[in-house]
């Protein structure tokens, strides 16, 4: 088992993903909107995400990024 990390201050923690492949939240949202790795055609044996698209509109994707940014603590020190 593992604890799912919070998305608080996610706007301050780029690069994103386990390998740092995405530099922006917009890229991360686009990745998940396309169905993750399987949705993009990668054969990922243990991926637990559904392979289908989320079908978020551009407006919904922007709203999601804006929401994540509202969870930013302005009093945190970034190193």
PDB file of N, CA and C in Angstrom:
ATOM      1  N   UNK A   1       0.837  -1.182   0.000  1.00  0.00           N
ATOM      2  CA  UNK A   1       0.000   0.000   0.000  1.00  0.00           C
ATOM      3  C   UNK A   1       0.877   1.238   0.000  1.00  0.00           C
ATOM      4  N   UNK A   2       0.291   2.333  -0.455  1.00  0.00           N
ATOM      5  CA  UNK A   2       0.990   3.602  -0.425  1.00  0.00           C
ATOM      6  C   UNK A   2      -0.025   4.710  -0.230  1.00  0.00           C
ATOM      7  N   UNK A   3       0.433   5.810   0.267  1.00  0.00           N
ATOM      8  CA  UNK A   3      -0.422   6.968   0.469  1.00  0.00           C
ATOM      9  C   UNK A   3      -0.368   7.843  -0.778  1.00  0.00           C
ATOM     10  N   UNK A   4      -1.521   8.228  -1.266  1.00  0.00           N
ATOM     11  CA  UNK A   4      -1.574   9.120  -2.411  1.00  0.00           C
ATOM     12  C   UNK A   4      -1.181  10.520  -1.953  1.00  0.00           C
ATOM     13  N   UNK A   5      -0.192  11.124  -2.585  1.00  0.00           N
ATOM     14  CA  UNK A   5       0.254  12.452  -2.161  1.00  0.00           C
ATOM     15  C   UNK A   5      -0.787  13.528  -2.480  1.00  0.00           C
ATOM     16  N   UNK A   6      -0.726  14.586  -1.749  1.00  0.00           N
ATOM     17  CA  UNK A   6      -1.603  15.728  -1.967  1.00  0.00           C
ATOM     18  C   UNK A   6      -1.220  16.471  -3.245  1.00  0.00           C
ATOM     19  N   UNK A   7      -2.164  17.231  -3.789  1.00  0.00           N
ATOM     20  CA  UNK A   7      -1.823  18.082  -4.937  1.00  0.00           C
ATOM     21  C   UNK A   7      -1.625  19.529  -4.491  1.00  0.00           C
ATOM     22  N   UNK A   8      -1.621  19.748  -3.175  1.00  0.00           N
ATOM     23  CA  UNK A   8      -1.331  21.082  -2.652  1.00  0.00           C
ATOM     24  C   UNK A   8       0.070  21.487  -3.115  1.00  0.00           C
ATOM     25  N   UNK A   9       0.183  22.688  -3.585  1.00  0.00           N
ATOM     26  CA  UNK A   9       1.439  23.255  -4.095  1.00  0.00           C
ATOM     27  C   UNK A   9       1.960  22.547  -5.347  1.00  0.00           C
ATOM     28  N   UNK A  10       1.100  21.824  -6.034  1.00  0.00           N
ATOM     29  CA  UNK A  10       1.518  21.130  -7.264  1.00  0.00           C
ATOM     30  C   UNK A  10       2.029  22.107  -8.317  1.00  0.00           C
ATOM     31  N   UNK A  11       1.528  23.325  -8.315  1.00  0.00           N
ATOM     32  CA  UNK A  11       1.979  24.316  -9.292  1.00  0.00           C
ATOM     33  C   UNK A  11       3.445  24.692  -9.079  1.00  0.00           C
ATOM     34  N   UNK A  12       3.988  24.343  -7.909  1.00  0.00           N
ATOM     35  CA  UNK A  12       5.375  24.698  -7.597  1.00  0.00           C
ATOM     36  C   UNK A  12       6.348  23.539  -7.753  1.00  0.00           C
ATOM     37  N   UNK A  13       5.865  22.381  -8.181  1.00  0.00           N
ATOM     38  CA  UNK A  13       6.710  21.184  -8.110  1.00  0.00           C
ATOM     39  C   UNK A  13       7.134  20.614  -9.460  1.00  0.00           C
ATOM     40  N   UNK A  14       7.125  21.411 -10.503  1.00  0.00           N
ATOM     41  CA  UNK A  14       7.580  20.921 -11.816  1.00  0.00           C
ATOM     42  C   UNK A  14       9.043  20.525 -11.722  1.00  0.00           C
ATOM     43  N   UNK A  15       9.504  19.611 -12.511  1.00  0.00           N
ATOM     44  CA  UNK A  15       8.803  18.856 -13.541  1.00  0.00           C
ATOM     45  C   UNK A  15       7.913  17.780 -12.934  1.00  0.00           C
ATOM     46  N   UNK A  16       6.976  17.301 -13.741  1.00  0.00           N
ATOM     47  CA  UNK A  16       5.955  16.377 -13.269  1.00  0.00           C
ATOM     48  C   UNK A  16       6.159  14.964 -13.790  1.00  0.00           C
ATOM     49  N   UNK A  17       5.514  14.033 -13.131  1.00  0.00           N
ATOM     50  CA  UNK A  17       5.523  12.593 -13.396  1.00  0.00           C
ATOM     51  C   UNK A  17       6.789  11.982 -12.780  1.00  0.00           C
ATOM     52  N   UNK A  18       6.816  10.679 -12.713  1.00  0.00           N
ATOM     53  CA  UNK A  18       7.915   9.991 -12.041  1.00  0.00           C
ATOM     54  C   UNK A  18       9.260  10.231 -12.732  1.00  0.00           C
ATOM     55  N   UNK A  19       9.214  10.557 -14.013  1.00  0.00           N
ATOM     56  CA  UNK A  19      10.463  10.747 -14.751  1.00  0.00           C
ATOM     57  C   UNK A  19      10.693  12.199 -15.186  1.00  0.00           C
ATOM     58  N   UNK A  20       9.848  13.110 -14.705  1.00  0.00           N
ATOM     59  CA  UNK A  20      10.028  14.522 -15.022  1.00  0.00           C
ATOM     60  C   UNK A  20       9.791  14.885 -16.465  1.00  0.00           C
ATOM     61  N   UNK A  21       8.986  14.110 -17.164  1.00  0.00           N
ATOM     62  CA  UNK A  21       8.806  14.305 -18.599  1.00  0.00           C
ATOM     63  C   UNK A  21       7.971  15.541 -18.942  1.00  0.00           C
ATOM     64  N   UNK A  22       7.124  16.010 -18.040  1.00  0.00           N
ATOM     65  CA  UNK A  22       6.274  17.167 -18.334  1.00  0.00           C
ATOM     66  C   UNK A  22       6.678  18.372 -17.490  1.00  0.00           C
ATOM     67  N   UNK A  23       6.776  19.518 -18.146  1.00  0.00           N
ATOM     68  CA  UNK A  23       7.216  20.743 -17.485  1.00  0.00           C
ATOM     69  C   UNK A  23       6.064  21.589 -16.965  1.00  0.00           C
ATOM     70  N   UNK A  24       4.841  21.334 -17.432  1.00  0.00           N
ATOM     71  CA  UNK A  24       3.703  22.172 -17.031  1.00  0.00           C
ATOM     72  C   UNK A  24       2.515  21.324 -16.607  1.00  0.00           C
ATOM     73  N   UNK A  25       1.650  21.938 -15.817  1.00  0.00           N
ATOM     74  CA  UNK A  25       0.403  21.277 -15.427  1.00  0.00           C
ATOM     75  C   UNK A  25      -0.479  21.019 -16.644  1.00  0.00           C
ATOM     76  N   UNK A  26      -0.428  21.913 -17.601  1.00  0.00           N
ATOM     77  CA  UNK A  26      -1.216  21.748 -18.819  1.00  0.00           C
ATOM     78  C   UNK A  26      -0.848  20.448 -19.538  1.00  0.00           C
ATOM     79  N   UNK A  27       0.449  20.143 -19.584  1.00  0.00           N
ATOM     80  CA  UNK A  27       0.907  18.911 -20.230  1.00  0.00           C
ATOM     81  C   UNK A  27       0.423  17.677 -19.469  1.00  0.00           C
ATOM     82  N   UNK A  28       0.427  17.752 -18.145  1.00  0.00           N
ATOM     83  CA  UNK A  28      -0.038  16.636 -17.325  1.00  0.00           C
ATOM     84  C   UNK A  28      -1.530  16.396 -17.555  1.00  0.00           C
ATOM     85  N   UNK A  29      -2.323  17.455 -17.546  1.00  0.00           N
ATOM     86  CA  UNK A  29      -3.762  17.331 -17.771  1.00  0.00           C
ATOM     87  C   UNK A  29      -4.021  16.765 -19.161  1.00  0.00           C
ATOM     88  N   UNK A  30      -3.266  17.201 -20.148  1.00  0.00           N
ATOM     89  CA  UNK A  30      -3.420  16.686 -21.504  1.00  0.00           C
ATOM     90  C   UNK A  30      -3.098  15.189 -21.558  1.00  0.00           C
ATOM     91  N   UNK A  31      -2.053  14.769 -20.868  1.00  0.00           N
ATOM     92  CA  UNK A  31      -1.673  13.356 -20.797  1.00  0.00           C
ATOM     93  C   UNK A  31      -2.829  12.507 -20.266  1.00  0.00           C
ATOM     94  N   UNK A  32      -3.400  12.926 -19.136  1.00  0.00           N
ATOM     95  CA  UNK A  32      -4.503  12.166 -18.554  1.00  0.00           C
ATOM     96  C   UNK A  32      -5.767  12.271 -19.404  1.00  0.00           C
ATOM     97  N   UNK A  33      -5.967  13.397 -20.053  1.00  0.00           N
ATOM     98  CA  UNK A  33      -7.129  13.562 -20.922  1.00  0.00           C
ATOM     99  C   UNK A  33      -7.077  12.585 -22.105  1.00  0.00           C
ATOM    100  N   UNK A  34      -5.875  12.245 -22.533  1.00  0.00           N
ATOM    101  CA  UNK A  34      -5.705  11.303 -23.641  1.00  0.00           C
ATOM    102  C   UNK A  34      -5.754   9.845 -23.192  1.00  0.00           C
ATOM    103  N   UNK A  35      -5.957   9.594 -21.898  1.00  0.00           N
ATOM    104  CA  UNK A  35      -6.037   8.220 -21.400  1.00  0.00           C
ATOM    105  C   UNK A  35      -4.736   7.688 -20.851  1.00  0.00           C
ATOM    106  N   UNK A  36      -3.810   8.587 -20.504  1.00  0.00           N
ATOM    107  CA  UNK A  36      -2.529   8.143 -19.970  1.00  0.00           C
ATOM    108  C   UNK A  36      -1.699   7.449 -21.027  1.00  0.00           C
ATOM    109  N   UNK A  37      -0.739   6.668 -20.580  1.00  0.00           N
ATOM    110  CA  UNK A  37       0.159   5.988 -21.507  1.00  0.00           C
ATOM    111  C   UNK A  37      -0.554   5.027 -22.442  1.00  0.00           C
ATOM    112  N   UNK A  38      -1.478   4.244 -21.906  1.00  0.00           N
ATOM    113  CA  UNK A  38      -2.213   3.293 -22.757  1.00  0.00           C
ATOM    114  C   UNK A  38      -3.043   4.022 -23.794  1.00  0.00           C
ATOM    115  N   UNK A  39      -3.650   5.127 -23.394  1.00  0.00           N
ATOM    116  CA  UNK A  39      -4.447   5.913 -24.331  1.00  0.00           C
ATOM    117  C   UNK A  39      -3.617   6.535 -25.435  1.00  0.00           C
ATOM    118  N   UNK A  40      -2.316   6.674 -25.179  1.00  0.00           N
ATOM    119  CA  UNK A  40      -1.417   7.239 -26.173  1.00  0.00           C
ATOM    120  C   UNK A  40      -0.712   6.146 -26.980  1.00  0.00           C
ATOM    121  N   UNK A  41      -1.110   4.883 -26.743  1.00  0.00           N
ATOM    122  CA  UNK A  41      -0.568   3.788 -27.531  1.00  0.00           C
ATOM    123  C   UNK A  41       0.610   3.058 -26.918  1.00  0.00           C
ATOM    124  N   UNK A  42       1.001   3.391 -25.685  1.00  0.00           N
ATOM    125  CA  UNK A  42       2.103   2.691 -25.029  1.00  0.00           C
ATOM    126  C   UNK A  42       1.577   1.418 -24.381  1.00  0.00           C
ATOM    127  N   UNK A  43       2.306   0.333 -24.491  1.00  0.00           N
ATOM    128  CA  UNK A  43       1.932  -0.916 -23.845  1.00  0.00           C
ATOM    129  C   UNK A  43       2.485  -0.906 -22.426  1.00  0.00           C
ATOM    130  N   UNK A  44       1.634  -0.599 -21.477  1.00  0.00           N
ATOM    131  CA  UNK A  44       2.046  -0.508 -20.080  1.00  0.00           C
ATOM    132  C   UNK A  44       1.335  -1.605 -19.290  1.00  0.00           C
ATOM    133  N   UNK A  45       2.076  -2.620 -18.969  1.00  0.00           N
ATOM    134  CA  UNK A  45       1.535  -3.817 -18.351  1.00  0.00           C
ATOM    135  C   UNK A  45       0.753  -3.557 -17.063  1.00  0.00           C
ATOM    136  N   UNK A  46       1.230  -2.687 -16.223  1.00  0.00           N
ATOM    137  CA  UNK A  46       0.613  -2.499 -14.908  1.00  0.00           C
ATOM    138  C   UNK A  46      -0.130  -1.176 -14.740  1.00  0.00           C
ATOM    139  N   UNK A  47      -0.404  -0.495 -15.817  1.00  0.00           N
ATOM    140  CA  UNK A  47      -1.135   0.775 -15.698  1.00  0.00           C
ATOM    141  C   UNK A  47      -2.556   0.501 -15.224  1.00  0.00           C
ATOM    142  N   UNK A  48      -2.980   1.210 -14.197  1.00  0.00           N
ATOM    143  CA  UNK A  48      -4.315   1.002 -13.641  1.00  0.00           C
ATOM    144  C   UNK A  48      -5.319   2.018 -14.156  1.00  0.00           C
ATOM    145  N   UNK A  49      -4.855   2.998 -14.924  1.00  0.00           N
ATOM    146  CA  UNK A  49      -5.778   3.983 -15.488  1.00  0.00           C
ATOM    147  C   UNK A  49      -6.567   3.358 -16.622  1.00  0.00           C
ATOM    148  N   UNK A  50      -7.815   3.755 -16.786  1.00  0.00           N
ATOM    149  CA  UNK A  50      -8.537   3.304 -17.980  1.00  0.00           C
ATOM    150  C   UNK A  50      -7.840   3.859 -19.220  1.00  0.00           C
ATOM    151  N   UNK A  51      -7.902   3.150 -20.316  1.00  0.00           N
ATOM    152  CA  UNK A  51      -7.203   3.564 -21.529  1.00  0.00           C
ATOM    153  C   UNK A  51      -7.976   4.601 -22.331  1.00  0.00           C
ATOM    154  N   UNK A  52      -9.256   4.794 -21.998  1.00  0.00           N
ATOM    155  CA  UNK A  52     -10.070   5.713 -22.787  1.00  0.00           C
ATOM    156  C   UNK A  52      -9.816   7.166 -22.403  1.00  0.00           C
ATOM    157  N   UNK A  53     -10.177   8.042 -23.293  1.00  0.00           N
ATOM    158  CA  UNK A  53      -9.987   9.479 -23.087  1.00  0.00           C
ATOM    159  C   UNK A  53     -10.973  10.003 -22.063  1.00  0.00           C
ATOM    160  N   UNK A  54     -10.595  11.105 -21.394  1.00  0.00           N
ATOM    161  CA  UNK A  54     -11.521  11.778 -20.485  1.00  0.00           C
ATOM    162  C   UNK A  54     -12.501  12.662 -21.255  1.00  0.00           C
ATOM    163  N   UNK A  55     -12.105  13.035 -22.458  1.00  0.00           N
ATOM    164  CA  UNK A  55     -12.933  13.908 -23.305  1.00  0.00           C
ATOM    165  C   UNK A  55     -13.218  15.261 -22.667  1.00  0.00           C
ATOM    166  N   UNK A  56     -12.228  15.804 -21.961  1.00  0.00           N
ATOM    167  CA  UNK A  56     -12.363  17.150 -21.415  1.00  0.00           C
ATOM    168  C   UNK A  56     -12.193  18.160 -22.542  1.00  0.00           C
ATOM    169  N   UNK A  57     -13.007  19.184 -22.523  1.00  0.00           N
ATOM    170  CA  UNK A  57     -12.845  20.259 -23.495  1.00  0.00           C
ATOM    171  C   UNK A  57     -11.639  21.109 -23.097  1.00  0.00           C
ATOM    172  N   UNK A  58     -11.180  21.962 -24.003  1.00  0.00           N
ATOM    173  CA  UNK A  58     -10.075  22.879 -23.676  1.00  0.00           C
ATOM    174  C   UNK A  58     -10.453  23.744 -22.482  1.00  0.00           C
ATOM    175  N   UNK A  59     -11.685  24.186 -22.445  1.00  0.00           N
ATOM    176  CA  UNK A  59     -12.170  25.018 -21.345  1.00  0.00           C
ATOM    177  C   UNK A  59     -12.132  24.249 -20.016  1.00  0.00           C
ATOM    178  N   UNK A  60     -12.536  22.998 -20.037  1.00  0.00           N
ATOM    179  CA  UNK A  60     -12.507  22.175 -18.824  1.00  0.00           C
ATOM    180  C   UNK A  60     -11.074  21.912 -18.378  1.00  0.00           C
ATOM    181  N   UNK A  61     -10.174  21.699 -19.334  1.00  0.00           N
ATOM    182  CA  UNK A  61      -8.768  21.486 -18.992  1.00  0.00           C
ATOM    183  C   UNK A  61      -8.182  22.743 -18.341  1.00  0.00           C
ATOM    184  N   UNK A  62      -8.497  23.902 -18.906  1.00  0.00           N
ATOM    185  CA  UNK A  62      -8.012  25.162 -18.325  1.00  0.00           C
ATOM    186  C   UNK A  62      -8.574  25.367 -16.927  1.00  0.00           C
ATOM    187  N   UNK A  63      -9.843  25.026 -16.730  1.00  0.00           N
ATOM    188  CA  UNK A  63     -10.479  25.169 -15.421  1.00  0.00           C
ATOM    189  C   UNK A  63      -9.817  24.234 -14.405  1.00  0.00           C
ATOM    190  N   UNK A  64      -9.469  23.035 -14.826  1.00  0.00           N
ATOM    191  CA  UNK A  64      -8.812  22.085 -13.935  1.00  0.00           C
ATOM    192  C   UNK A  64      -7.426  22.577 -13.520  1.00  0.00           C
ATOM    193  N   UNK A  65      -6.677  23.099 -14.462  1.00  0.00           N
ATOM    194  CA  UNK A  65      -5.361  23.671 -14.148  1.00  0.00           C
ATOM    195  C   UNK A  65      -5.524  24.860 -13.204  1.00  0.00           C
ATOM    196  N   UNK A  66      -6.500  25.712 -13.463  1.00  0.00           N
ATOM    197  CA  UNK A  66      -6.746  26.869 -12.594  1.00  0.00           C
ATOM    198  C   UNK A  66      -7.100  26.410 -11.184  1.00  0.00           C
ATOM    199  N   UNK A  67      -7.904  25.342 -11.064  1.00  0.00           N
ATOM    200  CA  UNK A  67      -8.255  24.823  -9.743  1.00  0.00           C
ATOM    201  C   UNK A  67      -7.019  24.331  -9.000  1.00  0.00           C
ATOM    202  N   UNK A  68      -6.173  23.558  -9.678  1.00  0.00           N
ATOM    203  CA  UNK A  68      -4.963  23.046  -9.029  1.00  0.00           C
ATOM    204  C   UNK A  68      -4.098  24.205  -8.555  1.00  0.00           C
ATOM    205  N   UNK A  69      -4.028  25.260  -9.335  1.00  0.00           N
ATOM    206  CA  UNK A  69      -3.230  26.432  -8.946  1.00  0.00           C
ATOM    207  C   UNK A  69      -3.803  27.145  -7.726  1.00  0.00           C
ATOM    208  N   UNK A  70      -5.115  27.031  -7.482  1.00  0.00           N
ATOM    209  CA  UNK A  70      -5.695  27.659  -6.282  1.00  0.00           C
ATOM    210  C   UNK A  70      -5.245  26.959  -5.011  1.00  0.00           C
ATOM    211  N   UNK A  71      -4.685  25.767  -5.128  1.00  0.00           N
ATOM    212  CA  UNK A  71      -4.224  25.008  -3.962  1.00  0.00           C
ATOM    213  C   UNK A  71      -2.787  25.346  -3.608  1.00  0.00           C
ATOM    214  N   UNK A  72      -2.268  26.422  -4.150  1.00  0.00           N
ATOM    215  CA  UNK A  72      -0.897  26.844  -3.892  1.00  0.00           C
ATOM    216  C   UNK A  72      -0.841  27.722  -2.659  1.00  0.00           C
ATOM    217  N   UNK A  73       0.103  27.379  -1.768  1.00  0.00           N
ATOM    218  CA  UNK A  73       0.336  28.152  -0.555  1.00  0.00           C
ATOM    219  C   UNK A  73       1.364  29.236  -0.870  1.00  0.00           C
ATOM    220  N   UNK A  74       0.946  30.484  -0.772  1.00  0.00           N
ATOM    221  CA  UNK A  74       1.831  31.601  -1.117  1.00  0.00           C
ATOM    222  C   UNK A  74       2.951  31.806  -0.098  1.00  0.00           C
ATOM    223  N   UNK A  75       2.885  31.116   1.039  1.00  0.00           N
ATOM    224  CA  UNK A  75       3.883  31.301   2.091  1.00  0.00           C
ATOM    225  C   UNK A  75       4.911  30.173   2.132  1.00  0.00           C
ATOM    226  N   UNK A  76       4.966  29.356   1.099  1.00  0.00           N
ATOM    227  CA  UNK A  76       5.901  28.242   1.083  1.00  0.00           C
ATOM    228  C   UNK A  76       7.208  28.688   0.423  1.00  0.00           C
ATOM    229  N   UNK A  77       8.327  28.153   0.943  1.00  0.00           N
ATOM    230  CA  UNK A  77       9.621  28.443   0.327  1.00  0.00           C
ATOM    231  C   UNK A  77       9.937  27.375  -0.690  1.00  0.00           C
ATOM    232  N   UNK A  78      10.320  27.775  -1.885  1.00  0.00           N
ATOM    233  CA  UNK A  78      10.663  26.829  -2.947  1.00  0.00           C
ATOM    234  C   UNK A  78      12.175  26.850  -3.102  1.00  0.00           C
ATOM    235  N   UNK A  79      12.762  25.681  -3.127  1.00  0.00           N
ATOM    236  CA  UNK A  79      14.222  25.562  -3.253  1.00  0.00           C
ATOM    237  C   UNK A  79      14.590  25.122  -4.630  1.00  0.00           C
TER     238      UNK A  79
END
